[in-house]
Amino acid sequence: YDSSFLSISAIHLFSDNVHAVRRACAESISSVIDAMDVDEFKSELLPSLISLYSSCGNYQIQSNLLYTFQNVLLSPKLSSSLDCVTEIQTLLIKEL
């Protein structure tokens, strides 16, 4: 076991450009929420994201959507929207 080889050759596995793009998308949901009407977000975009999460078998997409949902919960604009928050919390708790 050559520890110098492992540290040099495997470090790229912890981050990659595609992962960074997916993470940026998840982080941008706050800006999307700020740009949209809360009711429009709750009635149009959020159900689509939840549906994608439920129907997609790709763990990378599902993982990114979990980060997206986390950022939705952290959005000050939605903090008073109990119905939306409860639905997302239920989904996240189910995945734990």
N, C-alpha and C. Protein backbone atom coordinates (compact mmCIF):
# COMPACT_ATOMS: atom_id res chain seq x y z
N TYR A 1 0.85 -1.18 0.00
CA TYR A 1 0.00 0.00 0.00
C TYR A 1 0.89 1.23 0.00
N ASP A 2 0.79 2.00 -1.05
CA ASP A 2 1.60 3.21 -1.21
C ASP A 2 0.72 4.42 -0.95
N SER A 3 0.85 5.01 0.23
CA SER A 3 -0.03 6.13 0.62
C SER A 3 0.17 7.36 -0.24
N SER A 4 1.35 7.58 -0.79
CA SER A 4 1.56 8.75 -1.65
C SER A 4 0.77 8.61 -2.95
N PHE A 5 0.69 7.39 -3.46
CA PHE A 5 -0.10 7.15 -4.67
C PHE A 5 -1.58 7.41 -4.41
N LEU A 6 -2.09 6.93 -3.30
CA LEU A 6 -3.49 7.11 -2.97
C LEU A 6 -3.84 8.58 -2.84
N SER A 7 -3.05 9.34 -2.13
CA SER A 7 -3.39 10.73 -1.91
C SER A 7 -3.33 11.54 -3.19
N ILE A 8 -2.47 11.21 -4.10
CA ILE A 8 -2.35 11.97 -5.34
C ILE A 8 -3.39 11.52 -6.37
N SER A 9 -3.55 10.24 -6.54
CA SER A 9 -4.41 9.75 -7.61
C SER A 9 -5.89 9.75 -7.25
N ALA A 10 -6.24 9.65 -5.98
CA ALA A 10 -7.65 9.53 -5.60
C ALA A 10 -8.28 10.84 -5.16
N ILE A 11 -7.50 11.87 -5.00
CA ILE A 11 -8.06 13.12 -4.50
C ILE A 11 -9.12 13.69 -5.45
N HIS A 12 -8.99 13.47 -6.72
CA HIS A 12 -9.97 13.98 -7.69
C HIS A 12 -11.34 13.33 -7.53
N LEU A 13 -11.40 12.19 -6.87
CA LEU A 13 -12.68 11.50 -6.69
C LEU A 13 -13.62 12.22 -5.73
N PHE A 14 -13.07 13.13 -4.91
CA PHE A 14 -13.88 13.84 -3.94
C PHE A 14 -14.60 15.04 -4.54
N SER A 15 -14.20 15.46 -5.71
CA SER A 15 -14.85 16.58 -6.37
C SER A 15 -14.59 16.49 -7.87
N ASP A 16 -15.56 16.90 -8.63
CA ASP A 16 -15.38 16.96 -10.08
C ASP A 16 -16.25 18.08 -10.61
N ASN A 17 -16.02 18.45 -11.85
CA ASN A 17 -16.74 19.58 -12.43
C ASN A 17 -18.24 19.34 -12.52
N VAL A 18 -18.65 18.14 -12.84
CA VAL A 18 -20.08 17.83 -12.96
C VAL A 18 -20.75 17.94 -11.59
N HIS A 19 -20.08 17.43 -10.56
CA HIS A 19 -20.61 17.53 -9.22
C HIS A 19 -20.76 19.01 -8.82
N ALA A 20 -19.79 19.81 -9.16
CA ALA A 20 -19.85 21.24 -8.84
C ALA A 20 -21.03 21.91 -9.54
N VAL A 21 -21.32 21.51 -10.75
CA VAL A 21 -22.47 22.08 -11.48
C VAL A 21 -23.77 21.65 -10.80
N ARG A 22 -23.87 20.37 -10.44
CA ARG A 22 -25.08 19.90 -9.76
C ARG A 22 -25.27 20.64 -8.44
N ARG A 23 -24.21 20.83 -7.69
CA ARG A 23 -24.29 21.53 -6.41
C ARG A 23 -24.70 22.98 -6.62
N ALA A 24 -24.18 23.62 -7.65
CA ALA A 24 -24.55 25.01 -7.94
C ALA A 24 -26.03 25.12 -8.29
N CYS A 25 -26.55 24.13 -9.00
CA CYS A 25 -27.98 24.11 -9.31
C CYS A 25 -28.81 24.01 -8.03
N ALA A 26 -28.40 23.14 -7.14
CA ALA A 26 -29.12 22.98 -5.87
C ALA A 26 -29.08 24.28 -5.06
N GLU A 27 -27.94 24.93 -5.08
CA GLU A 27 -27.80 26.18 -4.32
C GLU A 27 -28.59 27.33 -4.95
N SER A 28 -28.81 27.26 -6.25
CA SER A 28 -29.51 28.36 -6.94
C SER A 28 -31.01 28.38 -6.69
N ILE A 29 -31.54 27.34 -6.05
CA ILE A 29 -32.99 27.29 -5.85
C ILE A 29 -33.48 28.48 -5.02
N SER A 30 -32.65 28.99 -4.13
CA SER A 30 -33.04 30.17 -3.35
C SER A 30 -33.30 31.36 -4.25
N SER A 31 -32.44 31.54 -5.23
CA SER A 31 -32.62 32.64 -6.18
C SER A 31 -33.86 32.43 -7.04
N VAL A 32 -34.13 31.19 -7.39
CA VAL A 32 -35.33 30.87 -8.16
C VAL A 32 -36.57 31.20 -7.34
N ILE A 33 -36.56 30.79 -6.09
CA ILE A 33 -37.70 31.07 -5.20
C ILE A 33 -37.90 32.57 -5.06
N ASP A 34 -36.80 33.31 -4.88
CA ASP A 34 -36.90 34.77 -4.74
C ASP A 34 -37.48 35.43 -5.99
N ALA A 35 -37.20 34.85 -7.15
CA ALA A 35 -37.67 35.42 -8.41
C ALA A 35 -39.13 35.06 -8.70
N MET A 36 -39.61 33.99 -8.09
CA MET A 36 -40.97 33.53 -8.36
C MET A 36 -41.93 33.97 -7.26
N ASP A 37 -43.17 33.94 -7.59
CA ASP A 37 -44.22 34.09 -6.60
C ASP A 37 -44.25 32.80 -5.78
N VAL A 38 -44.40 32.90 -4.47
CA VAL A 38 -44.39 31.72 -3.61
C VAL A 38 -45.46 30.72 -4.03
N ASP A 39 -46.65 31.19 -4.31
CA ASP A 39 -47.72 30.27 -4.73
C ASP A 39 -47.39 29.58 -6.03
N GLU A 40 -46.77 30.31 -6.94
CA GLU A 40 -46.37 29.71 -8.22
C GLU A 40 -45.30 28.64 -7.99
N PHE A 41 -44.34 28.92 -7.14
CA PHE A 41 -43.31 27.93 -6.83
C PHE A 41 -43.94 26.68 -6.23
N LYS A 42 -44.84 26.87 -5.25
CA LYS A 42 -45.47 25.75 -4.57
C LYS A 42 -46.38 24.95 -5.50
N SER A 43 -47.03 25.60 -6.43
CA SER A 43 -47.99 24.88 -7.27
C SER A 43 -47.39 24.32 -8.56
N GLU A 44 -46.27 24.90 -9.02
CA GLU A 44 -45.72 24.46 -10.30
C GLU A 44 -44.34 23.80 -10.20
N LEU A 45 -43.39 24.53 -9.64
CA LEU A 45 -42.02 24.01 -9.65
C LEU A 45 -41.79 22.93 -8.59
N LEU A 46 -42.22 23.16 -7.39
CA LEU A 46 -41.98 22.19 -6.33
C LEU A 46 -42.58 20.82 -6.63
N PRO A 47 -43.84 20.74 -7.07
CA PRO A 47 -44.37 19.41 -7.42
C PRO A 47 -43.56 18.72 -8.53
N SER A 48 -43.05 19.49 -9.46
CA SER A 48 -42.22 18.90 -10.52
C SER A 48 -40.92 18.34 -9.97
N LEU A 49 -40.31 19.07 -9.03
CA LEU A 49 -39.07 18.58 -8.41
C LEU A 49 -39.33 17.32 -7.58
N ILE A 50 -40.42 17.31 -6.84
CA ILE A 50 -40.77 16.14 -6.03
C ILE A 50 -41.09 14.95 -6.92
N SER A 51 -41.79 15.20 -8.00
CA SER A 51 -42.11 14.13 -8.95
C SER A 51 -40.83 13.56 -9.58
N LEU A 52 -39.92 14.44 -9.96
CA LEU A 52 -38.65 13.99 -10.52
C LEU A 52 -37.90 13.14 -9.51
N TYR A 53 -37.87 13.57 -8.26
CA TYR A 53 -37.20 12.81 -7.22
C TYR A 53 -37.81 11.42 -7.08
N SER A 54 -39.13 11.36 -7.09
CA SER A 54 -39.82 10.09 -6.88
C SER A 54 -39.69 9.14 -8.07
N SER A 55 -39.62 9.68 -9.27
CA SER A 55 -39.63 8.84 -10.46
C SER A 55 -38.25 8.52 -11.01
N CYS A 56 -37.26 9.29 -10.63
CA CYS A 56 -35.91 9.11 -11.17
C CYS A 56 -35.18 8.03 -10.40
N GLY A 57 -34.54 7.15 -11.11
CA GLY A 57 -33.76 6.10 -10.46
C GLY A 57 -32.29 6.43 -10.35
N ASN A 58 -31.90 7.61 -10.78
CA ASN A 58 -30.50 8.00 -10.78
C ASN A 58 -30.13 8.60 -9.42
N TYR A 59 -29.21 7.95 -8.72
CA TYR A 59 -28.88 8.40 -7.36
C TYR A 59 -28.23 9.78 -7.36
N GLN A 60 -27.54 10.16 -8.43
CA GLN A 60 -26.91 11.48 -8.47
C GLN A 60 -27.97 12.57 -8.56
N ILE A 61 -28.97 12.35 -9.36
CA ILE A 61 -30.06 13.32 -9.46
C ILE A 61 -30.84 13.37 -8.16
N GLN A 62 -31.13 12.21 -7.59
CA GLN A 62 -31.87 12.18 -6.33
C GLN A 62 -31.08 12.86 -5.21
N SER A 63 -29.80 12.61 -5.15
CA SER A 63 -28.95 13.24 -4.13
C SER A 63 -28.95 14.75 -4.30
N ASN A 64 -28.84 15.20 -5.52
CA ASN A 64 -28.84 16.64 -5.78
C ASN A 64 -30.19 17.26 -5.41
N LEU A 65 -31.26 16.54 -5.68
CA LEU A 65 -32.59 17.05 -5.31
C LEU A 65 -32.75 17.12 -3.79
N LEU A 66 -32.14 16.21 -3.06
CA LEU A 66 -32.19 16.30 -1.60
C LEU A 66 -31.50 17.58 -1.12
N TYR A 67 -30.37 17.91 -1.73
CA TYR A 67 -29.71 19.18 -1.41
C TYR A 67 -30.59 20.36 -1.80
N THR A 68 -31.27 20.23 -2.93
CA THR A 68 -32.18 21.29 -3.38
C THR A 68 -33.30 21.47 -2.36
N PHE A 69 -33.89 20.37 -1.91
CA PHE A 69 -34.98 20.45 -0.92
C PHE A 69 -34.48 21.07 0.39
N GLN A 70 -33.26 20.73 0.77
CA GLN A 70 -32.68 21.34 1.97
C GLN A 70 -32.62 22.86 1.80
N ASN A 71 -32.21 23.32 0.64
CA ASN A 71 -32.12 24.76 0.39
C ASN A 71 -33.50 25.40 0.31
N VAL A 72 -34.49 24.66 -0.14
CA VAL A 72 -35.86 25.17 -0.12
C VAL A 72 -36.28 25.42 1.33
N LEU A 73 -35.97 24.47 2.20
CA LEU A 73 -36.33 24.62 3.61
C LEU A 73 -35.64 25.81 4.26
N LEU A 74 -34.45 26.14 3.78
CA LEU A 74 -33.69 27.26 4.33
C LEU A 74 -34.09 28.61 3.75
N SER A 75 -34.96 28.60 2.76
CA SER A 75 -35.38 29.85 2.12
C SER A 75 -36.26 30.68 3.05
N PRO A 76 -35.85 31.91 3.35
CA PRO A 76 -36.66 32.76 4.21
C PRO A 76 -38.05 33.04 3.62
N LYS A 77 -38.13 33.06 2.31
CA LYS A 77 -39.39 33.35 1.65
C LYS A 77 -40.44 32.27 1.89
N LEU A 78 -39.99 31.04 2.13
CA LEU A 78 -40.92 29.93 2.34
C LEU A 78 -41.06 29.53 3.80
N SER A 79 -40.37 30.22 4.69
CA SER A 79 -40.39 29.82 6.09
C SER A 79 -41.79 29.86 6.71
N SER A 80 -42.66 30.71 6.18
CA SER A 80 -44.02 30.79 6.73
C SER A 80 -45.00 29.88 5.99
N SER A 81 -44.52 29.16 5.01
CA SER A 81 -45.38 28.29 4.22
C SER A 81 -45.36 26.88 4.79
N LEU A 82 -46.16 26.67 5.80
CA LEU A 82 -46.13 25.42 6.55
C LEU A 82 -46.44 24.20 5.69
N ASP A 83 -47.39 24.30 4.78
CA ASP A 83 -47.74 23.13 3.96
C ASP A 83 -46.56 22.68 3.10
N CYS A 84 -45.86 23.61 2.52
CA CYS A 84 -44.71 23.31 1.67
C CYS A 84 -43.57 22.73 2.51
N VAL A 85 -43.30 23.34 3.64
CA VAL A 85 -42.21 22.90 4.51
C VAL A 85 -42.48 21.49 5.03
N THR A 86 -43.70 21.22 5.44
CA THR A 86 -44.05 19.91 5.99
C THR A 86 -43.87 18.82 4.95
N GLU A 87 -44.27 19.08 3.73
CA GLU A 87 -44.13 18.07 2.67
C GLU A 87 -42.66 17.73 2.43
N ILE A 88 -41.81 18.74 2.39
CA ILE A 88 -40.40 18.51 2.15
C ILE A 88 -39.75 17.83 3.37
N GLN A 89 -40.10 18.27 4.55
CA GLN A 89 -39.55 17.63 5.75
C GLN A 89 -39.91 16.14 5.80
N THR A 90 -41.13 15.83 5.46
CA THR A 90 -41.57 14.43 5.42
C THR A 90 -40.75 13.62 4.44
N LEU A 91 -40.52 14.17 3.26
CA LEU A 91 -39.72 13.49 2.25
C LEU A 91 -38.30 13.28 2.76
N LEU A 92 -37.69 14.30 3.34
CA LEU A 92 -36.32 14.19 3.82
C LEU A 92 -36.19 13.20 4.98
N ILE A 93 -37.15 13.23 5.90
CA ILE A 93 -37.12 12.30 7.03
C ILE A 93 -37.26 10.87 6.54
N LYS A 94 -38.10 10.66 5.55
CA LYS A 94 -38.28 9.32 4.97
C LYS A 94 -36.96 8.79 4.41
N GLU A 95 -36.14 9.68 3.87
CA GLU A 95 -34.88 9.26 3.25
C GLU A 95 -33.78 9.01 4.28
N LEU A 96 -33.98 9.49 5.50
CA LEU A 96 -32.96 9.23 6.52
C LEU A 96 -33.03 7.78 6.88
